[in-house]
N, C-alpha and C. Protein backbone atom coordinates (compact mmCIF):
# COMPACT_ATOMS: atom_id res chain seq x y z
N MET A 1 -61.35 -129.89 96.73
CA MET A 1 -62.59 -129.70 97.44
C MET A 1 -62.30 -129.50 98.92
N GLU A 2 -62.83 -128.42 99.47
CA GLU A 2 -62.57 -128.10 100.86
C GLU A 2 -63.48 -128.91 101.77
N GLU A 3 -62.90 -129.48 102.81
CA GLU A 3 -63.68 -130.25 103.77
C GLU A 3 -64.47 -129.31 104.67
N GLU A 4 -65.65 -129.76 105.04
CA GLU A 4 -66.45 -128.98 105.98
C GLU A 4 -65.90 -129.17 107.37
N ARG A 5 -65.77 -128.07 108.07
CA ARG A 5 -65.32 -128.13 109.45
C ARG A 5 -66.48 -127.69 110.32
N GLY A 6 -66.57 -128.24 111.47
CA GLY A 6 -67.70 -127.92 112.32
C GLY A 6 -67.31 -127.85 113.77
N ILE A 7 -68.31 -127.64 114.55
CA ILE A 7 -68.12 -127.59 116.00
C ILE A 7 -68.95 -128.70 116.60
N THR A 8 -68.32 -129.48 117.42
CA THR A 8 -69.05 -130.51 118.15
C THR A 8 -68.87 -130.25 119.63
N GLY A 9 -69.74 -130.80 120.40
CA GLY A 9 -69.63 -130.62 121.83
C GLY A 9 -70.43 -131.65 122.57
N SER A 10 -70.14 -131.75 123.83
CA SER A 10 -70.89 -132.66 124.68
C SER A 10 -71.06 -132.01 126.05
N ILE A 11 -72.14 -132.39 126.71
CA ILE A 11 -72.40 -131.91 128.07
C ILE A 11 -72.61 -133.13 128.94
N ASN A 12 -71.79 -133.28 129.95
CA ASN A 12 -71.86 -134.41 130.86
C ASN A 12 -72.60 -133.96 132.13
N LEU A 13 -73.81 -134.48 132.33
CA LEU A 13 -74.60 -134.13 133.50
C LEU A 13 -74.61 -135.25 134.54
N SER A 14 -73.82 -136.28 134.32
CA SER A 14 -73.82 -137.41 135.27
C SER A 14 -73.13 -137.02 136.55
N GLN A 15 -73.52 -137.70 137.62
CA GLN A 15 -72.92 -137.43 138.93
C GLN A 15 -72.01 -138.56 139.37
N LYS A 16 -71.79 -139.54 138.50
CA LYS A 16 -71.00 -140.70 138.95
C LYS A 16 -69.50 -140.40 138.99
N ASP A 17 -69.06 -139.34 138.30
CA ASP A 17 -67.63 -139.01 138.28
C ASP A 17 -67.12 -138.64 139.67
N LYS A 18 -67.87 -137.79 140.34
CA LYS A 18 -67.45 -137.27 141.64
C LYS A 18 -68.57 -137.48 142.63
N GLU A 19 -68.31 -137.11 143.88
CA GLU A 19 -69.38 -137.22 144.86
C GLU A 19 -70.47 -136.21 144.52
N GLU A 20 -71.47 -136.13 145.36
CA GLU A 20 -72.64 -135.28 145.14
C GLU A 20 -72.23 -133.88 144.70
N LYS A 21 -72.88 -133.40 143.65
CA LYS A 21 -72.58 -132.06 143.14
C LYS A 21 -73.12 -130.99 144.09
N VAL A 22 -72.51 -129.84 144.05
CA VAL A 22 -72.90 -128.73 144.91
C VAL A 22 -74.28 -128.22 144.49
N ASN A 23 -75.16 -128.00 145.46
CA ASN A 23 -76.47 -127.43 145.20
C ASN A 23 -76.39 -125.94 145.52
N VAL A 24 -76.55 -125.11 144.49
CA VAL A 24 -76.43 -123.66 144.67
C VAL A 24 -77.80 -122.96 144.65
N SER A 25 -78.87 -123.71 144.96
CA SER A 25 -80.19 -123.09 145.05
C SER A 25 -80.15 -121.95 146.06
N GLY A 26 -80.75 -120.84 145.70
CA GLY A 26 -80.72 -119.67 146.57
C GLY A 26 -79.51 -118.79 146.34
N GLN A 27 -78.57 -119.22 145.51
CA GLN A 27 -77.38 -118.44 145.21
C GLN A 27 -77.30 -118.06 143.74
N VAL A 28 -78.33 -118.41 142.97
CA VAL A 28 -78.36 -118.10 141.53
C VAL A 28 -79.25 -116.88 141.34
N HIS A 29 -78.70 -115.85 140.68
CA HIS A 29 -79.41 -114.59 140.50
C HIS A 29 -79.44 -114.20 139.03
N HIS A 30 -80.60 -113.74 138.57
CA HIS A 30 -80.76 -113.22 137.21
C HIS A 30 -80.88 -111.70 137.36
N LEU A 31 -79.79 -111.00 137.02
CA LEU A 31 -79.74 -109.55 137.19
C LEU A 31 -80.11 -108.83 135.91
N PRO A 32 -80.73 -107.65 136.03
CA PRO A 32 -81.12 -106.89 134.84
C PRO A 32 -79.96 -106.04 134.29
N CYS A 33 -78.82 -106.68 134.10
CA CYS A 33 -77.66 -105.97 133.58
C CYS A 33 -76.68 -106.97 132.99
N CYS A 34 -75.66 -106.47 132.36
CA CYS A 34 -74.62 -107.31 131.78
C CYS A 34 -73.33 -107.08 132.57
N ILE A 35 -72.75 -108.13 133.07
CA ILE A 35 -71.49 -108.03 133.82
C ILE A 35 -70.40 -108.64 132.95
N LYS A 36 -69.48 -107.83 132.52
CA LYS A 36 -68.43 -108.29 131.62
C LYS A 36 -67.22 -108.78 132.41
N PHE A 37 -67.47 -109.82 133.19
CA PHE A 37 -66.42 -110.44 133.98
C PHE A 37 -66.78 -111.90 134.15
N ASN A 38 -65.81 -112.75 134.04
CA ASN A 38 -66.05 -114.18 134.17
C ASN A 38 -64.93 -114.76 135.03
N GLY A 39 -65.18 -114.85 136.31
CA GLY A 39 -64.16 -115.38 137.20
C GLY A 39 -64.63 -115.30 138.64
N PRO A 40 -63.76 -115.70 139.55
CA PRO A 40 -64.14 -115.69 140.96
C PRO A 40 -64.30 -114.26 141.49
N CYS A 41 -65.22 -114.12 142.43
CA CYS A 41 -65.50 -112.82 143.03
C CYS A 41 -66.19 -113.06 144.36
N SER A 42 -65.91 -112.21 145.32
CA SER A 42 -66.55 -112.36 146.65
C SER A 42 -67.90 -111.64 146.65
N VAL A 43 -68.83 -112.18 145.87
CA VAL A 43 -70.14 -111.56 145.68
C VAL A 43 -70.89 -111.43 147.00
N SER A 44 -70.89 -112.48 147.82
CA SER A 44 -71.68 -112.46 149.06
C SER A 44 -71.22 -111.38 150.03
N GLN A 45 -70.01 -110.87 149.86
CA GLN A 45 -69.52 -109.80 150.72
C GLN A 45 -70.21 -108.47 150.38
N TYR A 46 -70.61 -108.30 149.12
CA TYR A 46 -71.16 -107.02 148.68
C TYR A 46 -72.65 -107.09 148.32
N PHE A 47 -73.09 -108.19 147.78
CA PHE A 47 -74.48 -108.33 147.33
C PHE A 47 -75.25 -109.08 148.40
N LYS A 48 -76.07 -108.34 149.18
CA LYS A 48 -76.74 -108.92 150.34
C LYS A 48 -78.25 -108.69 150.26
N PRO A 49 -78.97 -109.56 149.54
CA PRO A 49 -80.43 -109.41 149.45
C PRO A 49 -81.08 -109.62 150.82
N LYS A 50 -82.13 -108.82 151.05
CA LYS A 50 -82.89 -108.94 152.30
C LYS A 50 -84.38 -109.02 151.98
N PRO A 51 -85.13 -109.84 152.74
CA PRO A 51 -86.59 -109.88 152.54
C PRO A 51 -87.19 -108.52 152.87
N LYS A 52 -88.12 -108.09 152.07
CA LYS A 52 -88.75 -106.78 152.27
C LYS A 52 -89.99 -106.89 153.17
N GLY A 53 -90.49 -108.11 153.36
CA GLY A 53 -91.67 -108.31 154.20
C GLY A 53 -92.96 -108.00 153.48
N VAL A 54 -92.90 -107.92 152.15
CA VAL A 54 -94.08 -107.62 151.34
C VAL A 54 -94.29 -108.77 150.37
N GLU A 55 -95.54 -109.06 150.07
CA GLU A 55 -95.86 -110.09 149.08
C GLU A 55 -96.73 -109.47 148.00
N ILE A 56 -96.32 -109.62 146.73
CA ILE A 56 -97.06 -109.09 145.59
C ILE A 56 -97.35 -110.24 144.64
N ASP A 57 -98.62 -110.42 144.27
CA ASP A 57 -99.03 -111.51 143.38
C ASP A 57 -98.57 -112.87 143.90
N GLY A 58 -98.50 -113.01 145.22
CA GLY A 58 -98.06 -114.27 145.81
C GLY A 58 -96.56 -114.46 145.79
N LEU A 59 -95.80 -113.43 145.43
CA LEU A 59 -94.34 -113.49 145.36
C LEU A 59 -93.73 -112.69 146.51
N ALA A 60 -92.89 -113.33 147.31
CA ALA A 60 -92.22 -112.65 148.42
C ALA A 60 -91.12 -111.74 147.85
N VAL A 61 -91.23 -110.44 148.12
CA VAL A 61 -90.31 -109.46 147.54
C VAL A 61 -89.05 -109.35 148.38
N GLU A 62 -87.90 -109.34 147.69
CA GLU A 62 -86.60 -109.12 148.31
C GLU A 62 -86.03 -107.82 147.76
N GLU A 63 -85.09 -107.24 148.50
CA GLU A 63 -84.49 -105.99 148.06
C GLU A 63 -82.98 -106.07 148.21
N SER A 64 -82.28 -105.45 147.27
CA SER A 64 -80.83 -105.38 147.34
C SER A 64 -80.38 -104.18 146.51
N HIS A 65 -79.11 -103.93 146.50
CA HIS A 65 -78.53 -102.86 145.69
C HIS A 65 -77.34 -103.42 144.92
N PHE A 66 -77.20 -102.96 143.70
CA PHE A 66 -76.05 -103.34 142.87
C PHE A 66 -75.53 -102.09 142.18
N ARG A 67 -74.27 -101.75 142.46
CA ARG A 67 -73.65 -100.54 141.92
C ARG A 67 -74.51 -99.31 142.17
N GLY A 68 -75.07 -99.23 143.37
CA GLY A 68 -75.85 -98.07 143.77
C GLY A 68 -77.29 -98.06 143.30
N ARG A 69 -77.69 -99.04 142.53
CA ARG A 69 -79.08 -99.09 142.03
C ARG A 69 -79.89 -100.08 142.85
N LYS A 70 -81.07 -99.64 143.21
CA LYS A 70 -81.97 -100.49 143.99
C LYS A 70 -82.55 -101.57 143.09
N LEU A 71 -82.55 -102.79 143.60
CA LEU A 71 -83.14 -103.94 142.90
C LEU A 71 -84.23 -104.54 143.77
N GLN A 72 -85.30 -104.97 143.13
CA GLN A 72 -86.36 -105.70 143.82
C GLN A 72 -86.56 -107.01 143.08
N GLY A 73 -86.62 -108.11 143.82
CA GLY A 73 -86.74 -109.40 143.17
C GLY A 73 -87.49 -110.40 144.01
N THR A 74 -87.53 -111.61 143.50
CA THR A 74 -88.17 -112.71 144.22
C THR A 74 -87.49 -114.02 143.85
N THR A 75 -87.51 -114.95 144.77
CA THR A 75 -86.94 -116.27 144.54
C THR A 75 -88.06 -117.20 144.08
N ILE A 76 -87.82 -117.88 142.97
CA ILE A 76 -88.82 -118.79 142.42
C ILE A 76 -88.21 -120.18 142.26
N SER A 77 -89.07 -121.17 142.32
CA SER A 77 -88.65 -122.56 142.09
C SER A 77 -88.81 -122.88 140.61
N LEU A 78 -87.92 -123.69 140.09
CA LEU A 78 -88.07 -124.16 138.72
C LEU A 78 -89.24 -125.15 138.69
N PRO A 79 -89.93 -125.26 137.56
CA PRO A 79 -91.07 -126.18 137.49
C PRO A 79 -90.65 -127.63 137.78
N ASN A 80 -91.61 -128.43 138.24
CA ASN A 80 -91.35 -129.85 138.51
C ASN A 80 -90.77 -130.51 137.26
N GLY A 81 -89.77 -131.33 137.47
CA GLY A 81 -89.15 -132.05 136.36
C GLY A 81 -88.02 -131.28 135.69
N TYR A 82 -87.76 -130.04 136.12
CA TYR A 82 -86.69 -129.23 135.54
C TYR A 82 -85.64 -128.92 136.59
N SER A 83 -84.39 -128.83 136.15
CA SER A 83 -83.27 -128.45 137.02
C SER A 83 -82.41 -127.47 136.26
N GLY A 84 -81.73 -126.63 137.00
CA GLY A 84 -80.74 -125.73 136.42
C GLY A 84 -79.36 -126.26 136.69
N PHE A 85 -78.44 -125.99 135.79
CA PHE A 85 -77.08 -126.49 135.94
C PHE A 85 -76.06 -125.38 135.72
N VAL A 86 -74.99 -125.42 136.49
CA VAL A 86 -73.84 -124.56 136.26
C VAL A 86 -72.83 -125.45 135.56
N LEU A 87 -72.42 -125.03 134.36
CA LEU A 87 -71.50 -125.84 133.56
C LEU A 87 -70.11 -125.23 133.53
N GLY A 88 -69.11 -126.08 133.40
CA GLY A 88 -67.73 -125.65 133.23
C GLY A 88 -67.07 -126.51 132.18
N LYS A 89 -66.07 -125.95 131.50
CA LYS A 89 -65.37 -126.73 130.48
C LYS A 89 -64.62 -127.88 131.12
N ASN A 90 -64.71 -129.03 130.49
CA ASN A 90 -64.00 -130.22 130.94
C ASN A 90 -62.68 -130.27 130.20
N MET A 91 -61.60 -130.04 130.89
CA MET A 91 -60.28 -130.00 130.25
C MET A 91 -59.62 -131.38 130.17
N SER A 92 -60.20 -132.39 130.81
CA SER A 92 -59.57 -133.71 130.82
C SER A 92 -59.74 -134.46 129.51
N GLY A 93 -60.74 -134.10 128.71
CA GLY A 93 -61.02 -134.83 127.48
C GLY A 93 -60.46 -134.17 126.24
N LYS A 94 -59.25 -133.58 126.34
CA LYS A 94 -58.69 -132.89 125.18
C LYS A 94 -58.34 -133.87 124.07
N ARG A 95 -58.54 -133.41 122.83
CA ARG A 95 -58.22 -134.23 121.67
C ARG A 95 -56.81 -133.93 121.20
N LYS A 96 -56.30 -134.80 120.36
CA LYS A 96 -54.98 -134.58 119.77
C LYS A 96 -55.04 -133.41 118.81
N ALA A 97 -53.92 -132.78 118.59
CA ALA A 97 -53.86 -131.57 117.76
C ALA A 97 -54.40 -131.82 116.36
N ARG A 98 -54.14 -132.98 115.77
CA ARG A 98 -54.62 -133.23 114.41
C ARG A 98 -56.15 -133.34 114.35
N ASP A 99 -56.78 -133.84 115.45
CA ASP A 99 -58.24 -133.92 115.49
C ASP A 99 -58.86 -132.53 115.63
N VAL A 100 -58.21 -131.67 116.39
CA VAL A 100 -58.74 -130.34 116.64
C VAL A 100 -58.77 -129.51 115.36
N SER A 101 -57.80 -129.71 114.46
CA SER A 101 -57.78 -128.93 113.23
C SER A 101 -58.98 -129.27 112.34
N GLU A 102 -59.49 -130.46 112.46
CA GLU A 102 -60.64 -130.85 111.64
C GLU A 102 -61.96 -130.41 112.26
N VAL A 103 -62.07 -130.55 113.55
CA VAL A 103 -63.33 -130.23 114.22
C VAL A 103 -63.02 -129.55 115.55
N SER A 104 -63.66 -128.44 115.79
CA SER A 104 -63.53 -127.76 117.06
C SER A 104 -64.46 -128.45 118.05
N SER A 105 -63.97 -128.76 119.24
CA SER A 105 -64.77 -129.53 120.17
C SER A 105 -64.82 -128.85 121.54
N ASP A 106 -66.00 -128.80 122.11
CA ASP A 106 -66.18 -128.28 123.47
C ASP A 106 -66.84 -129.37 124.29
N ASN A 107 -66.22 -129.68 125.41
CA ASN A 107 -66.78 -130.65 126.33
C ASN A 107 -67.04 -129.95 127.65
N TRP A 108 -68.26 -130.08 128.11
CA TRP A 108 -68.70 -129.40 129.32
C TRP A 108 -69.12 -130.42 130.35
N GLU A 109 -69.01 -130.05 131.62
CA GLU A 109 -69.47 -130.93 132.69
C GLU A 109 -70.21 -130.10 133.74
N MET A 110 -71.08 -130.77 134.47
CA MET A 110 -71.86 -130.11 135.51
C MET A 110 -70.97 -129.84 136.71
N LYS A 111 -70.95 -128.59 137.13
CA LYS A 111 -70.20 -128.20 138.32
C LYS A 111 -71.12 -128.06 139.53
N ALA A 112 -72.37 -127.64 139.28
CA ALA A 112 -73.35 -127.47 140.35
C ALA A 112 -74.74 -127.50 139.74
N LYS A 113 -75.73 -127.68 140.59
CA LYS A 113 -77.12 -127.67 140.11
C LYS A 113 -77.97 -126.83 141.04
N PHE A 114 -79.15 -126.43 140.54
CA PHE A 114 -80.05 -125.63 141.36
C PHE A 114 -81.49 -125.88 140.95
N ASP A 115 -82.40 -125.64 141.88
CA ASP A 115 -83.82 -125.76 141.58
C ASP A 115 -84.58 -124.49 141.95
N LYS A 116 -83.85 -123.47 142.42
CA LYS A 116 -84.44 -122.16 142.72
C LYS A 116 -83.49 -121.09 142.21
N LEU A 117 -84.08 -119.97 141.80
CA LEU A 117 -83.27 -118.82 141.41
C LEU A 117 -84.00 -117.55 141.76
N THR A 118 -83.25 -116.47 141.89
CA THR A 118 -83.83 -115.17 142.20
C THR A 118 -83.68 -114.28 140.99
N TYR A 119 -84.78 -113.69 140.54
CA TYR A 119 -84.68 -112.73 139.44
C TYR A 119 -84.98 -111.34 139.99
N TRP A 120 -84.32 -110.36 139.39
CA TRP A 120 -84.36 -108.99 139.89
C TRP A 120 -84.86 -108.02 138.83
N ASN A 121 -85.58 -106.98 139.27
CA ASN A 121 -86.01 -105.85 138.44
C ASN A 121 -85.34 -104.59 138.96
N HIS A 122 -85.09 -103.63 138.05
CA HIS A 122 -84.52 -102.35 138.47
C HIS A 122 -85.57 -101.44 139.12
N ASP A 123 -86.58 -101.12 138.37
CA ASP A 123 -87.47 -100.04 138.77
C ASP A 123 -88.85 -100.47 139.25
N SER A 124 -89.09 -101.74 139.31
CA SER A 124 -90.42 -102.19 139.71
C SER A 124 -90.32 -103.47 140.54
N PRO A 125 -91.27 -103.65 141.44
CA PRO A 125 -91.28 -104.91 142.21
C PRO A 125 -91.65 -106.07 141.30
N PRO A 126 -91.28 -107.27 141.68
CA PRO A 126 -91.62 -108.44 140.87
C PRO A 126 -93.13 -108.66 140.83
N SER A 127 -93.63 -109.14 139.70
CA SER A 127 -95.05 -109.47 139.59
C SER A 127 -95.21 -110.65 138.64
N LYS A 128 -96.40 -111.23 138.66
CA LYS A 128 -96.67 -112.37 137.78
C LYS A 128 -96.65 -111.98 136.31
N ASP A 129 -96.68 -110.66 136.00
CA ASP A 129 -96.67 -110.17 134.62
C ASP A 129 -95.26 -109.90 134.09
N ASP A 130 -94.24 -110.14 134.90
CA ASP A 130 -92.86 -109.93 134.44
C ASP A 130 -92.53 -110.86 133.29
N THR A 131 -91.80 -110.35 132.32
CA THR A 131 -91.43 -111.14 131.14
C THR A 131 -90.68 -112.40 131.55
N PHE A 132 -89.76 -112.27 132.49
CA PHE A 132 -88.97 -113.43 132.90
C PHE A 132 -89.87 -114.53 133.46
N LEU A 133 -90.79 -114.16 134.31
CA LEU A 133 -91.69 -115.14 134.92
C LEU A 133 -92.66 -115.72 133.90
N ARG A 134 -93.14 -114.88 132.99
CA ARG A 134 -94.06 -115.36 131.95
C ARG A 134 -93.37 -116.35 131.00
N SER A 135 -92.05 -116.24 130.86
CA SER A 135 -91.35 -117.18 129.97
C SER A 135 -91.47 -118.62 130.47
N PHE A 136 -91.76 -118.80 131.73
CA PHE A 136 -91.91 -120.15 132.28
C PHE A 136 -93.16 -120.83 131.75
N HIS A 137 -94.10 -120.07 131.18
CA HIS A 137 -95.29 -120.68 130.58
C HIS A 137 -94.91 -121.55 129.38
N TRP A 138 -93.76 -121.28 128.77
CA TRP A 138 -93.33 -122.06 127.62
C TRP A 138 -92.99 -123.51 127.99
N PHE A 139 -92.70 -123.76 129.26
CA PHE A 139 -92.46 -125.14 129.68
C PHE A 139 -93.71 -125.99 129.44
N ALA A 140 -94.88 -125.45 129.78
CA ALA A 140 -96.14 -126.17 129.58
C ALA A 140 -96.43 -126.33 128.09
N VAL A 141 -96.15 -125.29 127.30
CA VAL A 141 -96.37 -125.37 125.85
C VAL A 141 -95.45 -126.43 125.24
N ALA A 142 -94.19 -126.43 125.61
CA ALA A 142 -93.23 -127.41 125.09
C ALA A 142 -93.64 -128.83 125.48
N GLU A 143 -94.11 -128.99 126.70
CA GLU A 143 -94.54 -130.32 127.15
C GLU A 143 -95.73 -130.80 126.32
N ALA A 144 -96.68 -129.91 126.05
CA ALA A 144 -97.86 -130.28 125.26
C ALA A 144 -97.46 -130.62 123.82
N LEU A 145 -96.53 -129.87 123.26
CA LEU A 145 -96.10 -130.12 121.88
C LEU A 145 -95.35 -131.45 121.72
N HIS A 146 -94.61 -131.82 122.74
CA HIS A 146 -93.77 -133.01 122.64
C HIS A 146 -94.37 -134.25 123.29
N LYS A 147 -95.58 -134.12 123.79
CA LYS A 147 -96.26 -135.25 124.43
C LYS A 147 -96.67 -136.24 123.35
N PRO A 148 -96.45 -137.52 123.56
CA PRO A 148 -96.87 -138.51 122.56
C PRO A 148 -98.38 -138.47 122.33
N VAL A 149 -98.78 -138.64 121.10
CA VAL A 149 -100.19 -138.65 120.74
C VAL A 149 -100.68 -140.10 120.73
N LYS A 150 -101.80 -140.35 121.39
CA LYS A 150 -102.36 -141.70 121.45
C LYS A 150 -103.29 -141.90 120.26
N ALA A 151 -103.47 -143.14 119.87
CA ALA A 151 -104.35 -143.48 118.75
C ALA A 151 -105.78 -143.01 119.01
N GLU A 152 -106.23 -143.10 120.27
CA GLU A 152 -107.58 -142.65 120.62
C GLU A 152 -107.75 -141.15 120.38
N ASP A 153 -106.69 -140.37 120.69
CA ASP A 153 -106.75 -138.93 120.48
C ASP A 153 -106.88 -138.60 119.00
N LEU A 154 -106.12 -139.33 118.15
CA LEU A 154 -106.20 -139.11 116.71
C LEU A 154 -107.59 -139.47 116.18
N ALA A 155 -108.14 -140.57 116.66
CA ALA A 155 -109.46 -140.99 116.21
C ALA A 155 -110.52 -139.96 116.63
N ALA A 156 -110.43 -139.46 117.82
CA ALA A 156 -111.38 -138.45 118.31
C ALA A 156 -111.27 -137.16 117.50
N ALA A 157 -110.04 -136.76 117.20
CA ALA A 157 -109.84 -135.53 116.41
C ALA A 157 -110.37 -135.71 115.00
N SER A 158 -110.15 -136.88 114.40
CA SER A 158 -110.66 -137.16 113.05
C SER A 158 -112.18 -137.16 113.03
N ALA A 159 -112.80 -137.75 114.03
CA ALA A 159 -114.27 -137.79 114.11
C ALA A 159 -114.83 -136.38 114.26
N ALA A 160 -114.16 -135.55 115.04
CA ALA A 160 -114.63 -134.17 115.23
C ALA A 160 -114.52 -133.39 113.95
N LEU A 161 -113.47 -133.62 113.16
CA LEU A 161 -113.30 -132.93 111.87
C LEU A 161 -114.35 -133.36 110.87
N GLU A 162 -114.71 -134.65 110.87
CA GLU A 162 -115.70 -135.17 109.93
C GLU A 162 -117.09 -134.63 110.20
N LYS A 163 -117.39 -134.34 111.48
CA LYS A 163 -118.68 -133.78 111.85
C LYS A 163 -118.84 -132.37 111.29
N ASN A 164 -117.76 -131.63 111.24
CA ASN A 164 -117.83 -130.24 110.76
C ASN A 164 -117.82 -130.23 109.31
């Protein structure tokens, strides 16, 4: 009988390991493209967003160029109670070779955090109708779905159903 093998992982978001984590708010960008590179790069030397001085739907528009294409974007704050994290593999918690053959394990740790990010569009200025911005409405839906239900709420809902 073959044993089941799986993947396990952990994410360490604690800050007690090292001093205060780097805050990269204002340096996180959601670009409308795929960049097939994962490593260090002098991005700030080439990618220089500038305020456009225009506000659309209450969003301050910024402009930049990437590989010759004009981008228009805006910087938004994450909703209250939410944070963004930059994760990196934790190489200090390696398992012994015999353990790895049974279960593949990934251990991640927080390298930096952010509470603001800039999202970019290719051909249109940012607006409240952008798919990326509308996805933030799911935070409110998720909160409502996972909110504890009180006994009074159940009783009120039952009474309303019985009336109908």
